[in-house]
Protein backbone atom coordinates (compact mmCIF):
# COMPACT_ATOMS: atom_id res chain seq x y z
CA UNK A 1 0.00 0.00 0.00
CA UNK A 2 1.36 3.42 -1.01
CA UNK A 3 1.87 5.92 1.79
CA UNK A 4 -0.55 8.85 1.75
CA UNK A 5 1.19 12.06 0.72
CA UNK A 6 -1.57 14.10 2.38
CA UNK A 7 -1.32 12.53 5.85
CA UNK A 8 -0.16 15.37 8.12
CA UNK A 9 0.66 12.86 10.89
CA UNK A 10 3.13 10.89 8.73
CA UNK A 11 6.49 12.44 9.60
CA UNK A 12 8.04 10.96 6.42
CA UNK A 13 5.95 13.44 4.43
CA UNK A 14 7.82 16.32 6.05
CA UNK A 15 11.38 15.37 5.05
CA UNK A 16 13.66 16.29 2.15
CA UNK A 17 13.45 20.05 2.21
CA UNK A 18 10.71 22.33 0.93
CA UNK A 19 9.43 23.64 -2.37
CA UNK A 20 7.84 26.93 -1.46
CA UNK A 21 5.97 30.07 -2.28
CA UNK A 22 7.49 32.98 -0.39
CA UNK A 23 5.43 36.16 -0.10
CA UNK A 24 7.47 39.21 0.87
CA UNK A 25 4.75 41.16 2.67
CA UNK A 26 6.72 44.24 3.69
CA UNK A 27 6.82 45.88 7.13
CA UNK A 28 5.59 43.62 9.96
CA UNK A 29 1.90 44.13 10.65
CA UNK A 30 -0.16 41.53 12.52
CA UNK A 31 -3.39 42.62 10.84
CA UNK A 32 -1.95 42.34 7.34
CA UNK A 33 -0.29 39.03 8.23
CA UNK A 34 -3.62 37.70 9.48
CA UNK A 35 -5.36 38.67 6.22
CA UNK A 36 -2.49 37.23 4.17
CA UNK A 37 -2.50 33.87 6.00
CA UNK A 38 -6.26 33.51 5.62
CA UNK A 39 -6.13 34.54 1.95
CA UNK A 40 -3.23 32.16 1.27
CA UNK A 41 -5.06 29.21 2.88
CA UNK A 42 -8.16 30.01 0.81
CA UNK A 43 -6.34 30.65 -2.50
CA UNK A 44 -4.33 27.41 -2.23
CA UNK A 45 -7.39 25.42 -1.11
CA UNK A 46 -5.66 24.22 2.05
CA UNK A 47 -7.73 21.90 4.20
CA UNK A 48 -7.08 21.70 7.91
CA UNK A 49 -4.88 23.85 10.09
CA UNK A 50 -2.80 22.00 12.64
CA UNK A 51 -0.05 23.48 14.76
CA UNK A 52 3.10 21.56 13.84
CA UNK A 53 2.55 17.90 14.62
CA UNK A 54 -0.56 18.60 16.71
CA UNK A 55 -3.64 16.44 16.25
CA UNK A 56 -6.36 19.09 16.52
CA UNK A 57 -7.07 21.87 14.08
CA UNK A 58 -6.76 25.48 15.19
CA UNK A 59 -8.28 28.56 13.59
CA UNK A 60 -6.16 29.79 10.71
CA UNK A 61 -4.66 33.21 11.22
CA UNK A 62 -1.65 35.19 12.34
CA UNK A 63 -2.23 34.43 16.03
CA UNK A 64 -1.98 30.67 15.45
CA UNK A 65 1.00 31.09 13.13
CA UNK A 66 2.91 33.25 15.60
CA UNK A 67 1.99 31.08 18.61
CA UNK A 68 2.84 27.72 17.02
CA UNK A 69 5.55 28.68 14.53
CA UNK A 70 4.27 26.36 11.77
CA UNK A 71 0.79 25.46 10.60
CA UNK A 72 0.08 22.28 8.63
CA UNK A 73 -2.68 21.18 6.31
CA UNK A 74 -3.11 19.51 2.94
CA UNK A 75 -4.01 20.71 -0.53
CA UNK A 76 -4.74 19.47 -4.02
CA UNK A 77 -2.06 20.06 -6.65
CA UNK A 78 -2.94 20.95 -10.26
CA UNK A 79 -2.31 17.26 -11.06
CA UNK A 80 -5.21 16.31 -8.78
CA UNK A 81 -2.88 14.69 -6.23
CA UNK A 82 -3.18 15.67 -2.57
CA UNK A 83 -0.11 16.50 -0.49
CA UNK A 84 0.69 17.97 2.89
CA UNK A 85 1.65 21.61 3.12
CA UNK A 86 2.71 24.02 5.78
CA UNK A 87 3.18 27.69 6.48
CA UNK A 88 5.39 29.86 8.65
CA UNK A 89 6.36 33.50 8.89
CA UNK A 90 9.83 35.02 9.11
CA UNK A 91 10.02 38.35 10.85
CA UNK A 92 13.35 39.80 9.80
CA UNK A 93 15.55 42.21 11.73
CA UNK A 94 14.79 44.89 9.13
CA UNK A 95 11.15 44.70 10.24
CA UNK A 96 9.72 42.88 7.21
CA UNK A 97 7.41 39.85 7.19
CA UNK A 98 7.93 36.94 4.81
CA UNK A 99 5.02 34.45 4.67
CA UNK A 100 5.91 30.99 3.37
CA UNK A 101 3.67 28.24 2.00
CA UNK A 102 5.73 25.08 1.63
CA UNK A 103 5.33 21.67 0.05
CA UNK A 104 7.72 19.06 1.47
CA UNK A 105 9.72 17.32 -1.25
CA UNK A 106 9.11 13.91 0.31
CA UNK A 107 5.34 14.33 -0.05
CA UNK A 108 5.73 15.69 -3.59
CA UNK A 109 7.99 12.74 -4.45
CA UNK A 110 5.29 10.32 -3.31
CA UNK A 111 2.94 11.63 -6.02
CA UNK A 112 5.46 12.37 -8.80
CA UNK A 113 8.48 10.11 -9.44
CA UNK A 114 10.16 12.79 -11.56
CA UNK A 115 11.01 14.70 -8.39
CA UNK A 116 13.53 12.03 -7.37
CA UNK A 117 16.36 13.58 -5.36
CA UNK A 118 15.65 17.17 -6.40
CA UNK A 119 17.56 19.45 -6.10
CA UNK A 120 20.57 17.22 -5.52
CA UNK A 121 20.42 14.58 -8.25
CA UNK A 122 21.33 14.53 -11.95
CA UNK A 123 17.73 15.37 -12.98
CA UNK A 124 17.66 18.62 -11.03
CA UNK A 125 18.62 21.05 -13.78
CA UNK A 126 16.56 22.11 -16.78
CA UNK A 127 14.97 18.62 -16.90
CA UNK A 128 13.24 19.34 -13.58
CA UNK A 129 11.32 22.19 -15.23
CA UNK A 130 9.00 19.50 -16.68
CA UNK A 131 7.39 19.09 -13.24
CA UNK A 132 8.38 22.43 -11.71
CA UNK A 133 6.92 24.74 -14.39
CA UNK A 134 3.25 23.71 -13.89
CA UNK A 135 3.70 23.75 -10.09
CA UNK A 136 5.39 27.16 -10.27
CA UNK A 137 2.59 28.53 -12.45
CA UNK A 138 -0.05 27.26 -10.03
CA UNK A 139 1.79 28.74 -7.03
CA UNK A 140 2.08 32.00 -8.98
CA UNK A 141 -1.69 31.98 -9.49
CA UNK A 142 -2.11 31.44 -5.74
CA UNK A 143 0.18 34.42 -5.11
CA UNK A 144 -1.77 36.62 -7.53
CA UNK A 145 -5.01 35.74 -5.71
CA UNK A 146 -3.43 36.65 -2.36
CA UNK A 147 -2.03 39.87 -3.83
CA UNK A 148 -5.57 40.89 -4.84
CA UNK A 149 -6.58 40.67 -1.14
CA UNK A 150 -3.33 41.73 0.51
CA UNK A 151 -0.81 43.53 -1.71
CA UNK A 152 2.78 42.43 -1.12
CA UNK A 153 6.19 43.44 -2.46
CA UNK A 154 7.27 40.29 -4.31
CA UNK A 155 6.82 36.52 -4.43
CA UNK A 156 9.47 33.84 -4.95
CA UNK A 157 8.81 30.21 -5.91
CA UNK A 158 11.26 27.34 -5.71
CA UNK A 159 13.38 25.15 -3.47
CA UNK A 160 13.95 26.91 -0.16
CA UNK A 161 14.10 30.27 -1.92
CA UNK A 162 15.83 33.20 -0.34
CA UNK A 163 16.43 35.86 -2.97
CA UNK A 164 16.45 35.83 -6.76
CA UNK A 165 17.86 38.17 -9.38
CA UNK A 166 15.05 38.46 -11.93
CA UNK A 167 17.49 39.82 -14.53
CA UNK A 168 19.78 36.75 -14.36
CA UNK A 169 19.98 34.54 -17.45
CA UNK A 170 19.49 31.43 -15.33
CA UNK A 171 17.01 31.58 -12.47
CA UNK A 172 16.49 28.56 -10.24
CA UNK A 173 13.33 30.13 -8.85
CA UNK A 174 10.29 31.85 -10.32
CA UNK A 175 9.52 35.44 -9.36
CA UNK A 176 6.39 37.57 -9.27
CA UNK A 177 7.04 41.28 -9.08
CA UNK A 178 4.78 44.31 -9.39
CA UNK A 179 4.68 45.81 -12.86
CA UNK A 180 2.69 48.48 -14.66
CA UNK A 181 -0.03 45.93 -15.48
CA UNK A 182 -0.14 44.07 -12.17
CA UNK A 183 2.02 41.22 -10.92
CA UNK A 184 4.44 40.04 -13.61
CA UNK A 185 5.58 36.42 -13.68
CA UNK A 186 9.22 35.57 -14.41
CA UNK A 187 9.52 31.76 -14.65
CA UNK A 188 12.48 29.73 -13.49
CA UNK A 189 14.84 28.94 -16.36
CA UNK A 190 17.27 26.46 -14.82
C-alpha atoms as a PDB file:
ATOM      1  CA  UNK A   1       0.000   0.000   0.000  1.00  0.00           C
ATOM      2  CA  UNK A   2       1.356   3.415  -1.013  1.00  0.00           C
ATOM      3  CA  UNK A   3       1.871   5.919   1.792  1.00  0.00           C
ATOM      4  CA  UNK A   4      -0.549   8.848   1.748  1.00  0.00           C
ATOM      5  CA  UNK A   5       1.188  12.061   0.717  1.00  0.00           C
ATOM      6  CA  UNK A   6      -1.571  14.097   2.376  1.00  0.00           C
ATOM      7  CA  UNK A   7      -1.318  12.527   5.855  1.00  0.00           C
ATOM      8  CA  UNK A   8      -0.160  15.366   8.123  1.00  0.00           C
ATOM      9  CA  UNK A   9       0.655  12.861  10.885  1.00  0.00           C
ATOM     10  CA  UNK A  10       3.134  10.885   8.731  1.00  0.00           C
ATOM     11  CA  UNK A  11       6.489  12.443   9.602  1.00  0.00           C
ATOM     12  CA  UNK A  12       8.037  10.960   6.424  1.00  0.00           C
ATOM     13  CA  UNK A  13       5.946  13.436   4.435  1.00  0.00           C
ATOM     14  CA  UNK A  14       7.820  16.319   6.055  1.00  0.00           C
ATOM     15  CA  UNK A  15      11.382  15.369   5.048  1.00  0.00           C
ATOM     16  CA  UNK A  16      13.661  16.288   2.148  1.00  0.00           C
ATOM     17  CA  UNK A  17      13.447  20.055   2.213  1.00  0.00           C
ATOM     18  CA  UNK A  18      10.712  22.332   0.926  1.00  0.00           C
ATOM     19  CA  UNK A  19       9.427  23.639  -2.365  1.00  0.00           C
ATOM     20  CA  UNK A  20       7.841  26.933  -1.464  1.00  0.00           C
ATOM     21  CA  UNK A  21       5.974  30.068  -2.277  1.00  0.00           C
ATOM     22  CA  UNK A  22       7.492  32.981  -0.389  1.00  0.00           C
ATOM     23  CA  UNK A  23       5.429  36.156  -0.098  1.00  0.00           C
ATOM     24  CA  UNK A  24       7.467  39.206   0.874  1.00  0.00           C
ATOM     25  CA  UNK A  25       4.746  41.156   2.669  1.00  0.00           C
ATOM     26  CA  UNK A  26       6.724  44.240   3.687  1.00  0.00           C
ATOM     27  CA  UNK A  27       6.821  45.877   7.134  1.00  0.00           C
ATOM     28  CA  UNK A  28       5.591  43.625   9.962  1.00  0.00           C
ATOM     29  CA  UNK A  29       1.904  44.130  10.653  1.00  0.00           C
ATOM     30  CA  UNK A  30      -0.158  41.532  12.519  1.00  0.00           C
ATOM     31  CA  UNK A  31      -3.395  42.622  10.836  1.00  0.00           C
ATOM     32  CA  UNK A  32      -1.947  42.343   7.344  1.00  0.00           C
ATOM     33  CA  UNK A  33      -0.288  39.028   8.234  1.00  0.00           C
ATOM     34  CA  UNK A  34      -3.620  37.698   9.476  1.00  0.00           C
ATOM     35  CA  UNK A  35      -5.365  38.668   6.224  1.00  0.00           C
ATOM     36  CA  UNK A  36      -2.490  37.226   4.168  1.00  0.00           C
ATOM     37  CA  UNK A  37      -2.496  33.868   6.002  1.00  0.00           C
ATOM     38  CA  UNK A  38      -6.261  33.505   5.616  1.00  0.00           C
ATOM     39  CA  UNK A  39      -6.126  34.541   1.950  1.00  0.00           C
ATOM     40  CA  UNK A  40      -3.227  32.163   1.270  1.00  0.00           C
ATOM     41  CA  UNK A  41      -5.060  29.214   2.877  1.00  0.00           C
ATOM     42  CA  UNK A  42      -8.162  30.012   0.812  1.00  0.00           C
ATOM     43  CA  UNK A  43      -6.344  30.648  -2.501  1.00  0.00           C
ATOM     44  CA  UNK A  44      -4.329  27.411  -2.225  1.00  0.00           C
ATOM     45  CA  UNK A  45      -7.386  25.424  -1.113  1.00  0.00           C
ATOM     46  CA  UNK A  46      -5.656  24.222   2.053  1.00  0.00           C
ATOM     47  CA  UNK A  47      -7.727  21.903   4.201  1.00  0.00           C
ATOM     48  CA  UNK A  48      -7.084  21.703   7.906  1.00  0.00           C
ATOM     49  CA  UNK A  49      -4.884  23.853  10.085  1.00  0.00           C
ATOM     50  CA  UNK A  50      -2.801  21.996  12.635  1.00  0.00           C
ATOM     51  CA  UNK A  51      -0.051  23.485  14.762  1.00  0.00           C
ATOM     52  CA  UNK A  52       3.098  21.563  13.840  1.00  0.00           C
ATOM     53  CA  UNK A  53       2.554  17.900  14.620  1.00  0.00           C
ATOM     54  CA  UNK A  54      -0.559  18.595  16.714  1.00  0.00           C
ATOM     55  CA  UNK A  55      -3.637  16.445  16.248  1.00  0.00           C
ATOM     56  CA  UNK A  56      -6.357  19.087  16.521  1.00  0.00           C
ATOM     57  CA  UNK A  57      -7.071  21.865  14.076  1.00  0.00           C
ATOM     58  CA  UNK A  58      -6.758  25.479  15.189  1.00  0.00           C
ATOM     59  CA  UNK A  59      -8.276  28.558  13.588  1.00  0.00           C
ATOM     60  CA  UNK A  60      -6.163  29.788  10.705  1.00  0.00           C
ATOM     61  CA  UNK A  61      -4.657  33.210  11.220  1.00  0.00           C
ATOM     62  CA  UNK A  62      -1.651  35.194  12.342  1.00  0.00           C
ATOM     63  CA  UNK A  63      -2.229  34.433  16.030  1.00  0.00           C
ATOM     64  CA  UNK A  64      -1.977  30.670  15.447  1.00  0.00           C
ATOM     65  CA  UNK A  65       1.002  31.087  13.129  1.00  0.00           C
ATOM     66  CA  UNK A  66       2.907  33.250  15.604  1.00  0.00           C
ATOM     67  CA  UNK A  67       1.986  31.083  18.607  1.00  0.00           C
ATOM     68  CA  UNK A  68       2.837  27.720  17.022  1.00  0.00           C
ATOM     69  CA  UNK A  69       5.551  28.678  14.528  1.00  0.00           C
ATOM     70  CA  UNK A  70       4.270  26.360  11.771  1.00  0.00           C
ATOM     71  CA  UNK A  71       0.790  25.458  10.599  1.00  0.00           C
ATOM     72  CA  UNK A  72       0.084  22.285   8.627  1.00  0.00           C
ATOM     73  CA  UNK A  73      -2.680  21.181   6.308  1.00  0.00           C
ATOM     74  CA  UNK A  74      -3.111  19.506   2.943  1.00  0.00           C
ATOM     75  CA  UNK A  75      -4.012  20.714  -0.525  1.00  0.00           C
ATOM     76  CA  UNK A  76      -4.740  19.466  -4.020  1.00  0.00           C
ATOM     77  CA  UNK A  77      -2.062  20.063  -6.650  1.00  0.00           C
ATOM     78  CA  UNK A  78      -2.936  20.952 -10.264  1.00  0.00           C
ATOM     79  CA  UNK A  79      -2.307  17.257 -11.065  1.00  0.00           C
ATOM     80  CA  UNK A  80      -5.205  16.313  -8.783  1.00  0.00           C
ATOM     81  CA  UNK A  81      -2.881  14.693  -6.230  1.00  0.00           C
ATOM     82  CA  UNK A  82      -3.184  15.674  -2.574  1.00  0.00           C
ATOM     83  CA  UNK A  83      -0.112  16.496  -0.486  1.00  0.00           C
ATOM     84  CA  UNK A  84       0.687  17.974   2.889  1.00  0.00           C
ATOM     85  CA  UNK A  85       1.648  21.613   3.115  1.00  0.00           C
ATOM     86  CA  UNK A  86       2.710  24.021   5.782  1.00  0.00           C
ATOM     87  CA  UNK A  87       3.180  27.694   6.480  1.00  0.00           C
ATOM     88  CA  UNK A  88       5.386  29.857   8.655  1.00  0.00           C
ATOM     89  CA  UNK A  89       6.358  33.498   8.889  1.00  0.00           C
ATOM     90  CA  UNK A  90       9.828  35.018   9.106  1.00  0.00           C
ATOM     91  CA  UNK A  91      10.017  38.355  10.850  1.00  0.00           C
ATOM     92  CA  UNK A  92      13.349  39.804   9.799  1.00  0.00           C
ATOM     93  CA  UNK A  93      15.548  42.214  11.728  1.00  0.00           C
ATOM     94  CA  UNK A  94      14.790  44.892   9.127  1.00  0.00           C
ATOM     95  CA  UNK A  95      11.152  44.705  10.236  1.00  0.00           C
ATOM     96  CA  UNK A  96       9.717  42.876   7.206  1.00  0.00           C
ATOM     97  CA  UNK A  97       7.408  39.854   7.186  1.00  0.00           C
ATOM     98  CA  UNK A  98       7.926  36.937   4.807  1.00  0.00           C
ATOM     99  CA  UNK A  99       5.018  34.453   4.667  1.00  0.00           C
ATOM    100  CA  UNK A 100       5.914  30.993   3.366  1.00  0.00           C
ATOM    101  CA  UNK A 101       3.666  28.240   1.998  1.00  0.00           C
ATOM    102  CA  UNK A 102       5.727  25.081   1.632  1.00  0.00           C
ATOM    103  CA  UNK A 103       5.325  21.665   0.054  1.00  0.00           C
ATOM    104  CA  UNK A 104       7.715  19.059   1.469  1.00  0.00           C
ATOM    105  CA  UNK A 105       9.719  17.316  -1.255  1.00  0.00           C
ATOM    106  CA  UNK A 106       9.109  13.907   0.315  1.00  0.00           C
ATOM    107  CA  UNK A 107       5.339  14.326  -0.045  1.00  0.00           C
ATOM    108  CA  UNK A 108       5.730  15.687  -3.590  1.00  0.00           C
ATOM    109  CA  UNK A 109       7.986  12.740  -4.449  1.00  0.00           C
ATOM    110  CA  UNK A 110       5.291  10.323  -3.306  1.00  0.00           C
ATOM    111  CA  UNK A 111       2.943  11.626  -6.019  1.00  0.00           C
ATOM    112  CA  UNK A 112       5.459  12.366  -8.805  1.00  0.00           C
ATOM    113  CA  UNK A 113       8.480  10.108  -9.444  1.00  0.00           C
ATOM    114  CA  UNK A 114      10.165  12.787 -11.556  1.00  0.00           C
ATOM    115  CA  UNK A 115      11.011  14.700  -8.390  1.00  0.00           C
ATOM    116  CA  UNK A 116      13.532  12.034  -7.368  1.00  0.00           C
ATOM    117  CA  UNK A 117      16.359  13.583  -5.356  1.00  0.00           C
ATOM    118  CA  UNK A 118      15.648  17.166  -6.402  1.00  0.00           C
ATOM    119  CA  UNK A 119      17.556  19.450  -6.105  1.00  0.00           C
ATOM    120  CA  UNK A 120      20.565  17.221  -5.519  1.00  0.00           C
ATOM    121  CA  UNK A 121      20.418  14.576  -8.251  1.00  0.00           C
ATOM    122  CA  UNK A 122      21.331  14.529 -11.951  1.00  0.00           C
ATOM    123  CA  UNK A 123      17.728  15.369 -12.980  1.00  0.00           C
ATOM    124  CA  UNK A 124      17.663  18.623 -11.034  1.00  0.00           C
ATOM    125  CA  UNK A 125      18.617  21.054 -13.782  1.00  0.00           C
ATOM    126  CA  UNK A 126      16.558  22.108 -16.783  1.00  0.00           C
ATOM    127  CA  UNK A 127      14.975  18.621 -16.899  1.00  0.00           C
ATOM    128  CA  UNK A 128      13.235  19.344 -13.576  1.00  0.00           C
ATOM    129  CA  UNK A 129      11.316  22.188 -15.234  1.00  0.00           C
ATOM    130  CA  UNK A 130       9.004  19.497 -16.681  1.00  0.00           C
ATOM    131  CA  UNK A 131       7.390  19.090 -13.244  1.00  0.00           C
ATOM    132  CA  UNK A 132       8.382  22.429 -11.714  1.00  0.00           C
ATOM    133  CA  UNK A 133       6.918  24.741 -14.390  1.00  0.00           C
ATOM    134  CA  UNK A 134       3.254  23.713 -13.886  1.00  0.00           C
ATOM    135  CA  UNK A 135       3.704  23.747 -10.094  1.00  0.00           C
ATOM    136  CA  UNK A 136       5.387  27.165 -10.272  1.00  0.00           C
ATOM    137  CA  UNK A 137       2.587  28.534 -12.451  1.00  0.00           C
ATOM    138  CA  UNK A 138      -0.054  27.262 -10.028  1.00  0.00           C
ATOM    139  CA  UNK A 139       1.791  28.735  -7.035  1.00  0.00           C
ATOM    140  CA  UNK A 140       2.082  31.996  -8.980  1.00  0.00           C
ATOM    141  CA  UNK A 141      -1.692  31.982  -9.490  1.00  0.00           C
ATOM    142  CA  UNK A 142      -2.113  31.442  -5.743  1.00  0.00           C
ATOM    143  CA  UNK A 143       0.184  34.421  -5.113  1.00  0.00           C
ATOM    144  CA  UNK A 144      -1.773  36.619  -7.535  1.00  0.00           C
ATOM    145  CA  UNK A 145      -5.009  35.742  -5.711  1.00  0.00           C
ATOM    146  CA  UNK A 146      -3.432  36.651  -2.358  1.00  0.00           C
ATOM    147  CA  UNK A 147      -2.034  39.875  -3.832  1.00  0.00           C
ATOM    148  CA  UNK A 148      -5.569  40.890  -4.843  1.00  0.00           C
ATOM    149  CA  UNK A 149      -6.575  40.668  -1.143  1.00  0.00           C
ATOM    150  CA  UNK A 150      -3.332  41.732   0.509  1.00  0.00           C
ATOM    151  CA  UNK A 151      -0.813  43.526  -1.709  1.00  0.00           C
ATOM    152  CA  UNK A 152       2.777  42.433  -1.119  1.00  0.00           C
ATOM    153  CA  UNK A 153       6.193  43.442  -2.459  1.00  0.00           C
ATOM    154  CA  UNK A 154       7.270  40.289  -4.309  1.00  0.00           C
ATOM    155  CA  UNK A 155       6.817  36.518  -4.432  1.00  0.00           C
ATOM    156  CA  UNK A 156       9.468  33.840  -4.948  1.00  0.00           C
ATOM    157  CA  UNK A 157       8.806  30.211  -5.906  1.00  0.00           C
ATOM    158  CA  UNK A 158      11.260  27.341  -5.708  1.00  0.00           C
ATOM    159  CA  UNK A 159      13.379  25.146  -3.470  1.00  0.00           C
ATOM    160  CA  UNK A 160      13.947  26.905  -0.156  1.00  0.00           C
ATOM    161  CA  UNK A 161      14.097  30.269  -1.921  1.00  0.00           C
ATOM    162  CA  UNK A 162      15.827  33.201  -0.340  1.00  0.00           C
ATOM    163  CA  UNK A 163      16.434  35.856  -2.969  1.00  0.00           C
ATOM    164  CA  UNK A 164      16.454  35.827  -6.756  1.00  0.00           C
ATOM    165  CA  UNK A 165      17.864  38.169  -9.380  1.00  0.00           C
ATOM    166  CA  UNK A 166      15.049  38.463 -11.929  1.00  0.00           C
ATOM    167  CA  UNK A 167      17.490  39.822 -14.528  1.00  0.00           C
ATOM    168  CA  UNK A 168      19.776  36.750 -14.364  1.00  0.00           C
ATOM    169  CA  UNK A 169      19.979  34.535 -17.453  1.00  0.00           C
ATOM    170  CA  UNK A 170      19.494  31.430 -15.327  1.00  0.00           C
ATOM    171  CA  UNK A 171      17.006  31.579 -12.466  1.00  0.00           C
ATOM    172  CA  UNK A 172      16.494  28.559 -10.235  1.00  0.00           C
ATOM    173  CA  UNK A 173      13.326  30.127  -8.852  1.00  0.00           C
ATOM    174  CA  UNK A 174      10.294  31.854 -10.324  1.00  0.00           C
ATOM    175  CA  UNK A 175       9.522  35.437  -9.357  1.00  0.00           C
ATOM    176  CA  UNK A 176       6.394  37.570  -9.274  1.00  0.00           C
ATOM    177  CA  UNK A 177       7.036  41.282  -9.077  1.00  0.00           C
ATOM    178  CA  UNK A 178       4.780  44.315  -9.393  1.00  0.00           C
ATOM    179  CA  UNK A 179       4.684  45.807 -12.861  1.00  0.00           C
ATOM    180  CA  UNK A 180       2.687  48.479 -14.659  1.00  0.00           C
ATOM    181  CA  UNK A 181      -0.034  45.931 -15.479  1.00  0.00           C
ATOM    182  CA  UNK A 182      -0.136  44.071 -12.173  1.00  0.00           C
ATOM    183  CA  UNK A 183       2.021  41.224 -10.923  1.00  0.00           C
ATOM    184  CA  UNK A 184       4.440  40.037 -13.607  1.00  0.00           C
ATOM    185  CA  UNK A 185       5.575  36.421 -13.683  1.00  0.00           C
ATOM    186  CA  UNK A 186       9.215  35.568 -14.406  1.00  0.00           C
ATOM    187  CA  UNK A 187       9.516  31.759 -14.654  1.00  0.00           C
ATOM    188  CA  UNK A 188      12.481  29.730 -13.486  1.00  0.00           C
ATOM    189  CA  UNK A 189      14.842  28.942 -16.356  1.00  0.00           C
ATOM    190  CA  UNK A 190      17.265  26.457 -14.816  1.00  0.00           C
END
